[in-house]
């Protein structure tokens, strides 16, 4: 134990006892301070710190009982160890002192070995408390600093959220306006060209329509992704999964017909899932369209549903083409697939939108290959708990 800073306050009205205790404390390597009664001891406590007090019980002016009471009643000295010193016939008083906060006791004449052991025990207790207090203060400082950092970060996030919302509104308006303008002008130009229809004009018009629809879809999907990140205006409520899938299949049907792919319907699935109807409809529509793009002509996209352990499992299977193995882990990441990997055309942002929507409503989505002949999408969504009648 390091005794360099261990200051012991000795309180006793008998000079002989004070001197005896002082010599012994010095011999142990501690620094003693003497007080002849409780009043002086309290004055000293207000002026300088101590690590332990040796307090006599019977003293004039302010005895050991009242001195102990005042020491333990002061929040600044509450954890300061106090060892009571008493005569053998004062044991009842010692017990009373221990019940009122004293840490230990010694009897007169004291045993040097016992005094050393009890001093060291009390000082160890005090040092442990001091370390705990220092740790607590450091911890409070760190917590306060982290709280300030979090407050600043939260304030910045609020500013960013406002900026993102404004940016989304701005982009939504600024991109749609010129897009609508270009579309209108192109429609007028092609309408004049169709007054004298020819094979070349018809072919150009078809190319224009596909490009315009693709650009419009990308703009809408990009804005939707940003809105999902902000969780902007979406409602979570029970939705009939059957109806959701039927509507999504209808949306994907035109693309399937152009690819000569059949969309198979599914068995009845009475359970409900939780989410926003428009968002979930968009997610499944994009998955069906993606499955169509991975299907060969005259093949079919199969949709199956099952409920297990409170989870709706939706399986979407295509037959035709597979995903390169190196692209499978990042299939649902934005911009991960920049080149066309199917004869059915570019995938665009459809898979990304589907993934974000499913995750928004606490679901999971995965994809795997059926060897070299198609892909399987698996969507898992929590089933709504039936309301009690």
Protein backbone atom coordinates (compact mmCIF):
# COMPACT_ATOMS: atom_id res chain seq x y z
CA UNK A 1 0.00 0.00 0.00
CA UNK A 2 1.24 3.50 -0.85
CA UNK A 3 1.11 5.50 2.37
CA UNK A 4 2.59 8.76 1.04
CA UNK A 5 -0.79 10.51 1.03
CA UNK A 6 -2.42 8.76 3.97
CA UNK A 7 -3.31 11.47 6.49
CA UNK A 8 -4.61 10.30 9.86
CA UNK A 9 -6.56 12.61 12.18
CA UNK A 10 -6.08 11.65 15.85
CA UNK A 11 -8.82 13.00 18.16
CA UNK A 12 -8.28 12.46 21.93
CA UNK A 13 -8.45 14.80 24.94
CA UNK A 14 -5.56 12.94 26.66
CA UNK A 15 -2.18 14.31 25.53
CA UNK A 16 -0.47 11.04 26.44
CA UNK A 17 -2.84 9.07 24.24
CA UNK A 18 -2.41 11.54 21.38
CA UNK A 19 1.38 11.32 21.57
CA UNK A 20 1.32 7.54 21.74
CA UNK A 21 -0.95 7.27 18.73
CA UNK A 22 1.06 9.90 16.85
CA UNK A 23 4.32 7.99 17.30
CA UNK A 24 2.72 4.76 16.19
CA UNK A 25 1.09 6.34 13.10
CA UNK A 26 4.44 7.87 12.10
CA UNK A 27 6.14 4.49 12.53
CA UNK A 28 3.67 3.04 9.99
CA UNK A 29 4.59 5.71 7.45
CA UNK A 30 1.41 7.75 7.78
CA UNK A 31 1.10 11.49 8.43
CA UNK A 32 -0.68 12.31 11.73
CA UNK A 33 -2.66 15.44 12.68
CA UNK A 34 -3.73 15.98 16.32
CA UNK A 35 -6.98 17.36 17.77
CA UNK A 36 -7.79 17.52 21.48
CA UNK A 37 -11.56 17.44 21.07
CA UNK A 38 -14.38 17.06 18.53
CA UNK A 39 -14.80 20.78 17.80
CA UNK A 40 -11.17 21.18 16.74
CA UNK A 41 -11.42 17.97 14.71
CA UNK A 42 -14.40 19.31 12.75
CA UNK A 43 -12.58 22.59 12.08
CA UNK A 44 -9.59 20.66 10.74
CA UNK A 45 -11.86 18.55 8.53
CA UNK A 46 -13.17 21.73 6.89
CA UNK A 47 -9.63 22.91 6.11
CA UNK A 48 -7.87 19.82 4.78
CA UNK A 49 -8.59 16.26 3.60
CA UNK A 50 -7.95 13.17 5.72
CA UNK A 51 -7.92 9.46 4.94
CA UNK A 52 -8.93 8.10 8.34
CA UNK A 53 -9.92 9.33 11.84
CA UNK A 54 -8.97 7.78 15.20
CA UNK A 55 -11.76 9.14 17.43
CA UNK A 56 -11.93 8.88 21.22
CA UNK A 57 -15.43 8.57 22.73
CA UNK A 58 -15.21 10.47 26.05
CA UNK A 59 -14.00 14.07 25.52
CA UNK A 60 -14.97 17.51 26.81
CA UNK A 61 -16.83 20.16 24.71
CA UNK A 62 -17.82 17.79 21.90
CA UNK A 63 -17.58 14.07 22.64
CA UNK A 64 -17.05 11.22 20.22
CA UNK A 65 -20.75 10.49 19.76
CA UNK A 66 -21.70 13.97 18.55
CA UNK A 67 -18.49 14.32 16.56
CA UNK A 68 -19.24 11.05 14.73
CA UNK A 69 -22.81 12.22 14.11
CA UNK A 70 -21.61 15.48 12.53
CA UNK A 71 -18.94 13.73 10.44
CA UNK A 72 -21.35 11.17 8.99
CA UNK A 73 -24.03 13.82 8.52
CA UNK A 74 -21.75 15.79 6.21
CA UNK A 75 -22.00 14.49 2.62
CA UNK A 76 -18.38 15.44 2.03
CA UNK A 77 -17.14 13.27 4.92
CA UNK A 78 -19.74 10.52 4.76
CA UNK A 79 -17.30 7.93 3.37
CA UNK A 80 -14.36 8.94 5.56
CA UNK A 81 -13.39 5.92 7.74
CA UNK A 82 -13.75 6.51 11.50
CA UNK A 83 -12.16 4.13 14.04
CA UNK A 84 -13.58 4.62 17.56
CA UNK A 85 -11.22 4.42 20.57
CA UNK A 86 -12.76 3.34 23.88
CA UNK A 87 -12.06 1.75 27.24
CA UNK A 88 -13.04 -1.88 27.83
CA UNK A 89 -16.06 -0.87 29.93
CA UNK A 90 -17.52 1.19 27.06
CA UNK A 91 -18.40 -1.69 24.73
CA UNK A 92 -22.10 -0.81 24.67
CA UNK A 93 -21.10 2.66 23.49
CA UNK A 94 -18.86 1.15 20.81
CA UNK A 95 -21.75 -0.92 19.47
CA UNK A 96 -23.90 2.21 19.37
CA UNK A 97 -21.17 4.05 17.44
CA UNK A 98 -20.85 1.23 14.90
CA UNK A 99 -24.58 1.31 14.30
CA UNK A 100 -24.32 5.08 13.67
CA UNK A 101 -21.67 4.85 10.98
CA UNK A 102 -18.32 4.13 12.65
CA UNK A 103 -16.18 1.76 10.59
CA UNK A 104 -14.22 0.01 13.37
CA UNK A 105 -13.07 0.31 17.00
CA UNK A 106 -10.04 -0.12 19.27
CA UNK A 107 -9.88 -0.62 23.00
CA UNK A 108 -7.49 1.05 25.40
CA UNK A 109 -4.72 0.14 25.86
CA UNK A 110 -4.61 -0.65 22.10
CA UNK A 111 -2.75 -3.54 20.56
CA UNK A 112 -0.17 -2.26 17.99
CA UNK A 113 -0.70 -5.22 15.65
CA UNK A 114 -4.47 -4.77 15.81
CA UNK A 115 -4.19 -1.00 15.27
CA UNK A 116 -2.01 -1.52 12.20
CA UNK A 117 -4.41 -4.09 10.71
CA UNK A 118 -7.48 -1.93 11.27
CA UNK A 119 -5.81 1.20 9.96
CA UNK A 120 -4.70 -0.57 6.81
CA UNK A 121 -8.16 -2.06 6.33
CA UNK A 122 -9.84 1.34 6.73
CA UNK A 123 -7.33 3.05 4.41
CA UNK A 124 -7.81 0.36 1.76
CA UNK A 125 -11.54 0.94 1.97
CA UNK A 126 -11.03 4.70 1.62
CA UNK A 127 -8.67 4.32 -1.34
CA UNK A 128 -11.13 1.99 -3.07
CA UNK A 129 -13.91 4.51 -2.57
CA UNK A 130 -11.70 7.34 -3.86
CA UNK A 131 -10.86 5.33 -7.00
CA UNK A 132 -14.53 4.61 -7.54
CA UNK A 133 -15.35 8.30 -7.21
CA UNK A 134 -12.59 9.25 -9.65
CA UNK A 135 -13.82 6.62 -12.09
CA UNK A 136 -17.38 7.88 -11.69
CA UNK A 137 -16.29 11.46 -12.34
CA UNK A 138 -14.38 10.40 -15.45
CA UNK A 139 -17.35 8.36 -16.56
CA UNK A 140 -19.67 11.33 -16.03
CA UNK A 141 -17.31 13.51 -18.07
CA UNK A 142 -17.26 10.94 -20.88
CA UNK A 143 -21.04 10.56 -20.76
CA UNK A 144 -21.46 14.34 -20.84
CA UNK A 145 -19.05 14.59 -23.77
CA UNK A 146 -20.82 11.78 -25.65
CA UNK A 147 -24.18 13.37 -24.87
CA UNK A 148 -22.97 16.64 -26.39
CA UNK A 149 -21.65 14.76 -29.42
CA UNK A 150 -24.94 12.93 -29.83
CA UNK A 151 -26.89 16.16 -29.46
CA UNK A 152 -24.73 17.81 -32.11
CA UNK A 153 -25.03 14.76 -34.37
CA UNK A 154 -28.80 14.69 -33.89
CA UNK A 155 -29.01 18.38 -34.75
CA UNK A 156 -26.95 17.77 -37.89
CA UNK A 157 -29.16 14.80 -38.81
CA UNK A 158 -32.25 16.96 -38.48
CA UNK A 159 -30.66 19.53 -40.77
CA UNK A 160 -29.70 16.78 -43.23
CA UNK A 161 -33.19 15.30 -43.11
CA UNK A 162 -34.68 18.68 -43.91
CA UNK A 163 -32.13 19.14 -46.68
CA UNK A 164 -32.85 15.66 -48.07
CA UNK A 165 -36.60 16.28 -47.99
CA UNK A 166 -36.11 19.59 -49.77
CA UNK A 167 -33.76 17.94 -52.26
CA UNK A 168 -36.26 15.17 -52.98
CA UNK A 169 -39.04 17.68 -53.56
CA UNK A 170 -36.76 19.79 -55.73
CA UNK A 171 -35.51 16.84 -57.81
CA UNK A 172 -39.02 15.45 -58.08
CA UNK A 173 -40.27 18.72 -59.52
CA UNK A 174 -37.20 19.71 -61.53
CA UNK A 175 -36.77 16.30 -63.18
CA UNK A 176 -40.43 15.68 -63.89
CA UNK A 177 -40.96 19.10 -65.46
CA UNK A 178 -38.33 18.82 -68.25
CA UNK A 179 -39.16 15.12 -68.66
CA UNK A 180 -42.81 15.96 -69.28
CA UNK A 181 -41.72 18.73 -71.63
CA UNK A 182 -39.51 16.41 -73.67
CA UNK A 183 -42.25 13.81 -73.77
CA UNK A 184 -44.81 16.33 -74.97
CA UNK A 185 -42.55 17.68 -77.70
CA UNK A 186 -41.67 14.16 -78.85
CA UNK A 187 -45.35 13.21 -78.97
CA UNK A 188 -46.10 16.21 -81.20
CA UNK A 189 -43.20 15.41 -83.51
CA UNK A 190 -44.14 11.74 -83.82
CA UNK A 191 -47.81 12.58 -84.33
CA UNK A 192 -46.84 14.67 -87.36
CA UNK A 193 -44.58 11.93 -88.60
CA UNK A 194 -47.38 9.38 -88.26
CA UNK A 195 -49.53 11.42 -90.67
CA UNK A 196 -47.38 9.79 -93.34
CA UNK A 197 -46.54 6.53 -91.56
CA UNK A 198 -43.56 4.50 -92.59
CA UNK A 199 -41.62 1.59 -91.20
CA UNK A 200 -38.75 3.81 -90.05
CA UNK A 201 -41.05 6.26 -88.22
CA UNK A 202 -42.84 3.43 -86.43
CA UNK A 203 -39.56 1.89 -85.34
CA UNK A 204 -38.24 5.21 -84.03
CA UNK A 205 -41.46 5.81 -82.16
CA UNK A 206 -41.19 2.43 -80.42
CA UNK A 207 -37.57 3.17 -79.46
CA UNK A 208 -38.64 6.57 -78.12
CA UNK A 209 -41.48 5.07 -76.06
CA UNK A 210 -39.24 2.44 -74.47
CA UNK A 211 -36.52 4.98 -73.65
CA UNK A 212 -39.02 7.49 -72.26
CA UNK A 213 -40.78 4.90 -70.11
CA UNK A 214 -37.44 3.61 -68.81
CA UNK A 215 -36.22 7.11 -67.92
CA UNK A 216 -39.51 7.92 -66.22
CA UNK A 217 -39.33 4.67 -64.24
CA UNK A 218 -35.75 5.37 -63.10
CA UNK A 219 -36.69 8.86 -61.89
CA UNK A 220 -39.71 7.53 -59.97
CA UNK A 221 -37.68 4.69 -58.43
CA UNK A 222 -34.82 6.98 -57.38
CA UNK A 223 -37.24 9.36 -55.66
CA UNK A 224 -39.00 6.42 -53.98
CA UNK A 225 -35.68 5.07 -52.65
CA UNK A 226 -34.88 8.46 -51.11
CA UNK A 227 -38.35 8.64 -49.54
CA UNK A 228 -37.90 5.13 -48.09
CA UNK A 229 -34.62 6.21 -46.50
CA UNK A 230 -36.52 9.08 -44.84
CA UNK A 231 -39.48 6.77 -43.95
CA UNK A 232 -41.64 9.52 -45.41
CA UNK A 233 -45.42 9.15 -45.18
CA UNK A 234 -45.72 5.35 -45.13
CA UNK A 235 -48.43 3.56 -43.14
CA UNK A 236 -48.05 0.11 -41.57
CA UNK A 237 -51.34 -1.75 -41.34
CA UNK A 238 -52.66 -5.26 -42.10
CA UNK A 239 -52.83 -6.07 -45.83
CA UNK A 240 -54.31 -9.11 -47.58
CA UNK A 241 -51.35 -10.84 -49.15
CA UNK A 242 -53.55 -12.50 -51.79
CA UNK A 243 -54.82 -9.16 -53.03
CA UNK A 244 -51.35 -7.60 -52.96
CA UNK A 245 -49.88 -10.36 -55.12
CA UNK A 246 -52.82 -10.31 -57.56
CA UNK A 247 -52.40 -6.56 -58.11
CA UNK A 248 -48.64 -6.93 -58.52
CA UNK A 249 -49.12 -9.72 -61.09
CA UNK A 250 -51.47 -7.50 -63.08
CA UNK A 251 -48.83 -4.76 -63.12
CA UNK A 252 -46.17 -7.18 -64.41
CA UNK A 253 -48.48 -8.81 -66.97
CA UNK A 254 -47.76 -6.41 -69.89
CA UNK A 255 -44.01 -7.01 -69.62
CA UNK A 256 -44.57 -10.76 -69.39
CA UNK A 257 -46.64 -10.73 -72.60
CA UNK A 258 -43.94 -8.88 -74.53
CA UNK A 259 -41.46 -11.56 -73.40
CA UNK A 260 -43.97 -14.40 -74.06
CA UNK A 261 -43.68 -15.44 -70.42
CA UNK A 262 -46.59 -16.81 -68.38
CA UNK A 263 -47.30 -15.58 -64.84
CA UNK A 264 -48.81 -18.41 -62.81
CA UNK A 265 -51.19 -17.58 -59.98
CA UNK A 266 -50.93 -18.98 -56.49
CA UNK A 267 -53.06 -20.89 -54.05
CA UNK A 268 -55.29 -19.05 -51.62
CA UNK A 269 -53.38 -17.47 -48.74
CA UNK A 270 -55.79 -16.02 -46.13
CA UNK A 271 -53.18 -14.47 -43.83
CA UNK A 272 -52.41 -10.76 -43.69
CA UNK A 273 -49.06 -9.00 -43.52
CA UNK A 274 -48.16 -5.61 -42.06
CA UNK A 275 -47.10 -2.73 -44.31
CA UNK A 276 -48.04 0.02 -46.73
CA UNK A 277 -50.16 -1.31 -49.61
CA UNK A 278 -48.69 0.89 -52.35
CA UNK A 279 -45.11 0.20 -51.30
CA UNK A 280 -45.57 -3.57 -50.98
CA UNK A 281 -47.43 -3.66 -54.30
CA UNK A 282 -44.49 -1.82 -55.88
CA UNK A 283 -41.99 -4.25 -54.31
CA UNK A 284 -43.74 -7.38 -55.58
CA UNK A 285 -44.37 -5.82 -59.01
CA UNK A 286 -40.64 -5.15 -59.37
CA UNK A 287 -39.79 -8.69 -58.27
CA UNK A 288 -42.25 -10.20 -60.77
CA UNK A 289 -40.83 -8.01 -63.56
CA UNK A 290 -37.30 -9.01 -62.58
CA UNK A 291 -38.30 -12.70 -62.60
CA UNK A 292 -39.79 -12.19 -66.08
CA UNK A 293 -36.47 -10.77 -67.31
CA UNK A 294 -34.71 -13.92 -66.09
CA UNK A 295 -37.23 -16.15 -67.91
CA UNK A 296 -36.84 -17.64 -71.36
CA UNK A 297 -39.61 -17.38 -73.96
CA UNK A 298 -42.55 -19.75 -73.44
CA UNK A 299 -41.46 -20.35 -69.83
CA UNK A 300 -43.40 -19.33 -66.73
CA UNK A 301 -42.87 -17.45 -63.49
CA UNK A 302 -44.25 -19.46 -60.58
CA UNK A 303 -45.46 -17.86 -57.36
CA UNK A 304 -45.97 -19.84 -54.17
CA UNK A 305 -46.94 -18.89 -50.59
CA UNK A 306 -46.83 -20.60 -47.24
CA UNK A 307 -47.13 -19.54 -43.62
CA UNK A 308 -44.72 -20.95 -41.05
CA UNK A 309 -44.00 -19.84 -37.47
CA UNK A 310 -45.76 -16.50 -37.92
CA UNK A 311 -43.92 -15.70 -41.16
CA UNK A 312 -45.29 -15.46 -44.69
CA UNK A 313 -42.87 -17.06 -47.17
CA UNK A 314 -43.35 -15.97 -50.79
CA UNK A 315 -41.35 -17.94 -53.38
CA UNK A 316 -40.96 -16.53 -56.93
CA UNK A 317 -39.32 -18.86 -59.46
CA UNK A 318 -38.21 -18.10 -63.01
CA UNK A 319 -36.93 -20.50 -65.68
CA UNK A 320 -34.36 -19.39 -68.17
CA UNK A 321 -31.31 -17.45 -67.08
CA UNK A 322 -29.16 -17.25 -63.93
CA UNK A 323 -27.18 -14.54 -62.14
CA UNK A 324 -23.36 -14.62 -62.41
CA UNK A 325 -22.00 -16.06 -59.17
CA UNK A 326 -19.83 -13.01 -58.46
CA UNK A 327 -22.90 -10.74 -58.60
CA UNK A 328 -25.18 -12.78 -56.34
CA UNK A 329 -23.96 -11.30 -52.98
CA UNK A 330 -24.52 -7.71 -54.19
CA UNK A 331 -27.64 -8.32 -56.29
CA UNK A 332 -29.82 -5.97 -54.19
CA UNK A 333 -27.18 -3.23 -53.78
CA UNK A 334 -27.69 0.04 -55.69
CA UNK A 335 -25.56 0.34 -58.84
CA UNK A 336 -23.96 -3.07 -58.16
CA UNK A 337 -25.11 -4.38 -61.55
CA UNK A 338 -24.46 -1.79 -64.25
CA UNK A 339 -24.47 -4.08 -67.31
CA UNK A 340 -27.31 -6.10 -68.74
CA UNK A 341 -27.05 -9.69 -67.46
CA UNK A 342 -30.22 -11.07 -69.10
CA UNK A 343 -31.68 -10.99 -72.62
CA UNK A 344 -34.75 -9.53 -70.95
CA UNK A 345 -33.07 -6.14 -70.56
CA UNK A 346 -31.46 -4.05 -67.83
CA UNK A 347 -32.67 -4.65 -64.29
CA UNK A 348 -32.62 -0.97 -63.34
CA UNK A 349 -33.47 -0.07 -59.75
CA UNK A 350 -36.33 -2.60 -59.42
CA UNK A 351 -34.52 -5.17 -57.25
CA UNK A 352 -33.12 -2.39 -55.03
CA UNK A 353 -36.58 -0.88 -54.52
CA UNK A 354 -38.05 -4.30 -53.69
CA UNK A 355 -35.29 -5.01 -51.16
CA UNK A 356 -35.63 -1.64 -49.40
CA UNK A 357 -39.41 -1.94 -49.13
CA UNK A 358 -39.29 -5.48 -47.73
CA UNK A 359 -36.65 -4.47 -45.16
CA UNK A 360 -38.67 -1.34 -44.25
CA UNK A 361 -41.45 -3.62 -42.96
CA UNK A 362 -39.12 -5.97 -41.02
CA UNK A 363 -38.93 -8.53 -43.78
CA UNK A 364 -36.12 -10.41 -45.51
CA UNK A 365 -35.39 -10.97 -49.19
CA UNK A 366 -32.89 -13.31 -50.85
CA UNK A 367 -32.07 -14.67 -54.30
CA UNK A 368 -30.35 -17.81 -55.54
CA UNK A 369 -29.83 -19.55 -58.85
CA UNK A 370 -31.60 -22.67 -60.06
CA UNK A 371 -28.38 -24.00 -61.47
CA UNK A 372 -28.05 -22.31 -64.85
CA UNK A 373 -31.77 -22.27 -65.60
CA UNK A 374 -33.34 -19.44 -63.68
CA UNK A 375 -33.51 -17.78 -60.28
CA UNK A 376 -35.55 -18.09 -57.11
CA UNK A 377 -36.54 -15.06 -55.02
CA UNK A 378 -37.62 -15.67 -51.42
CA UNK A 379 -39.45 -13.00 -49.45
CA UNK A 380 -40.22 -13.39 -45.74
CA UNK A 381 -42.64 -11.01 -44.02
CA UNK A 382 -44.20 -11.10 -40.52
CA UNK A 383 -47.83 -12.23 -40.49
CA UNK A 384 -50.28 -9.86 -38.80
CA UNK A 385 -51.62 -11.09 -35.47
CA UNK A 386 -55.42 -11.64 -35.78
CA UNK A 387 -57.49 -9.16 -33.79
CA UNK A 388 -59.48 -10.57 -30.89
CA UNK A 389 -63.22 -10.61 -31.51
